[in-house]
Amino acid sequence: MLARIYQPSKTAMQSGRAKSGAWRLEFEAEAARRIDPLMGWTSAADMRSNQVMLEFETKEAAIAYAERHSIPYQLFESHAPVPVSKAYSDNFAYRRRMPWTH
């Protein structure tokens, strides 16, 4: 029962970074999903991999929870966001370090 601790990225529906600082603990699937022959839906026998997802305010809190409950975990660090231009005219500014081309 291996758990993943990571900081999820923002969804495509979000324009800002609000509510994206939480850390998440999810369990890996112990068995492969299977396809129901009648309906064609996918299902899994492991409830933890489907429905259990814990959120923590900090990375340290998630790690402490996993260690307190003897859950083996794998930590995935988040990458720094790439800075973007704030205005369209910044794409053509003289101070731009690299030329703007397609």
Protein backbone atom coordinates (compact mmCIF):
# COMPACT_ATOMS: atom_id res chain seq x y z
CA MET A 1 0.00 0.00 0.00
CA LEU A 2 2.30 2.71 -1.31
CA ALA A 3 1.12 6.32 -1.06
CA ARG A 4 2.06 9.30 -3.21
CA ILE A 5 2.53 12.73 -1.63
CA TYR A 6 2.44 15.57 -4.12
CA GLN A 7 1.20 19.09 -4.71
CA PRO A 8 -1.43 19.01 -7.48
CA SER A 9 -1.22 21.48 -10.33
CA LYS A 10 -4.03 23.89 -11.02
CA THR A 11 -6.82 22.78 -13.29
CA ALA A 12 -7.39 24.17 -16.77
CA MET A 13 -10.42 26.04 -15.44
CA GLN A 14 -8.34 28.11 -13.00
CA SER A 15 -6.64 31.30 -14.05
CA GLY A 16 -4.98 32.05 -10.71
CA ARG A 17 -3.11 30.04 -8.10
CA ALA A 18 -5.74 30.23 -5.34
CA LYS A 19 -6.38 27.01 -3.40
CA SER A 20 -3.53 25.23 -5.19
CA GLY A 21 -1.03 25.18 -2.32
CA ALA A 22 -2.38 22.08 -0.57
CA TRP A 23 -0.48 18.79 -0.53
CA ARG A 24 -2.27 15.56 -1.37
CA LEU A 25 -1.76 11.98 -0.19
CA GLU A 26 -3.17 9.31 -2.53
CA PHE A 27 -2.75 5.57 -2.48
CA GLU A 28 -1.40 3.65 -5.46
CA ALA A 29 -3.57 0.92 -6.97
CA GLU A 30 -2.74 -2.54 -5.65
CA ALA A 31 -4.42 -4.32 -8.56
CA ALA A 32 -5.11 -3.39 -12.15
CA ARG A 33 -8.49 -2.04 -13.14
CA ARG A 34 -10.79 -4.34 -15.02
CA ILE A 35 -13.49 -3.74 -17.60
CA ASP A 36 -17.01 -4.93 -16.88
CA PRO A 37 -18.02 -7.18 -19.81
CA LEU A 38 -21.69 -6.16 -19.70
CA MET A 39 -21.55 -2.37 -19.39
CA GLY A 40 -17.93 -1.64 -20.38
CA TRP A 41 -17.24 0.40 -17.26
CA THR A 42 -13.87 0.21 -15.54
CA SER A 43 -13.79 -0.88 -11.93
CA ALA A 44 -11.29 -1.77 -9.25
CA ALA A 45 -11.47 -3.96 -6.19
CA ASP A 46 -9.21 -1.65 -4.16
CA MET A 47 -11.25 1.10 -2.50
CA ARG A 48 -8.23 3.05 -1.30
CA SER A 49 -6.91 3.74 -4.79
CA ASN A 50 -10.31 5.00 -5.98
CA GLN A 51 -11.83 6.97 -3.16
CA VAL A 52 -9.29 7.89 -0.48
CA MET A 53 -7.50 11.19 -1.07
CA LEU A 54 -6.25 13.22 1.89
CA GLU A 55 -5.27 16.89 1.70
CA PHE A 56 -2.82 18.66 4.00
CA GLU A 57 -1.74 22.28 4.30
CA THR A 58 1.97 21.49 4.29
CA LYS A 59 4.30 18.82 2.97
CA GLU A 60 5.58 18.14 6.47
CA ALA A 61 2.05 17.44 7.74
CA ALA A 62 1.47 14.88 4.99
CA ILE A 63 4.79 13.17 5.70
CA ALA A 64 4.08 13.14 9.45
CA TYR A 65 0.68 11.53 8.84
CA ALA A 66 2.19 8.81 6.65
CA GLU A 67 4.93 8.07 9.17
CA ARG A 68 2.52 8.11 12.12
CA HIS A 69 0.30 5.50 10.43
CA SER A 70 3.25 3.45 9.05
CA ILE A 71 2.29 4.13 5.44
CA PRO A 72 5.16 3.81 2.97
CA TYR A 73 5.18 6.89 0.77
CA GLN A 74 6.89 8.43 -2.22
CA LEU A 75 7.34 12.20 -2.26
CA PHE A 76 7.03 14.17 -5.51
CA GLU A 77 8.35 17.73 -5.26
CA SER A 78 6.59 20.42 -7.28
CA HIS A 79 8.40 22.43 -9.91
CA ALA A 80 8.66 26.21 -9.83
CA PRO A 81 6.11 27.92 -12.09
CA VAL A 82 7.39 29.38 -15.34
CA PRO A 83 7.13 33.18 -15.41
CA VAL A 84 4.81 34.48 -18.10
CA SER A 85 4.51 37.87 -19.74
CA LYS A 86 2.03 40.16 -18.08
CA ALA A 87 1.15 42.14 -21.19
CA TYR A 88 1.00 41.36 -24.90
CA SER A 89 3.43 44.18 -25.67
CA ASP A 90 6.08 42.44 -23.52
CA ASN A 91 6.42 39.87 -26.31
CA PHE A 92 7.92 42.56 -28.55
CA ALA A 93 9.84 44.59 -25.97
CA TYR A 94 13.43 45.62 -26.68
CA ARG A 95 14.59 44.33 -23.30
CA ARG A 96 13.45 40.79 -24.18
CA ARG A 97 16.40 38.40 -23.93
CA MET A 98 15.39 36.02 -26.68
CA PRO A 99 13.78 36.94 -30.00
CA TRP A 100 10.06 36.32 -30.26
CA THR A 101 9.50 34.03 -33.22
CA HIS A 102 7.35 31.09 -34.12
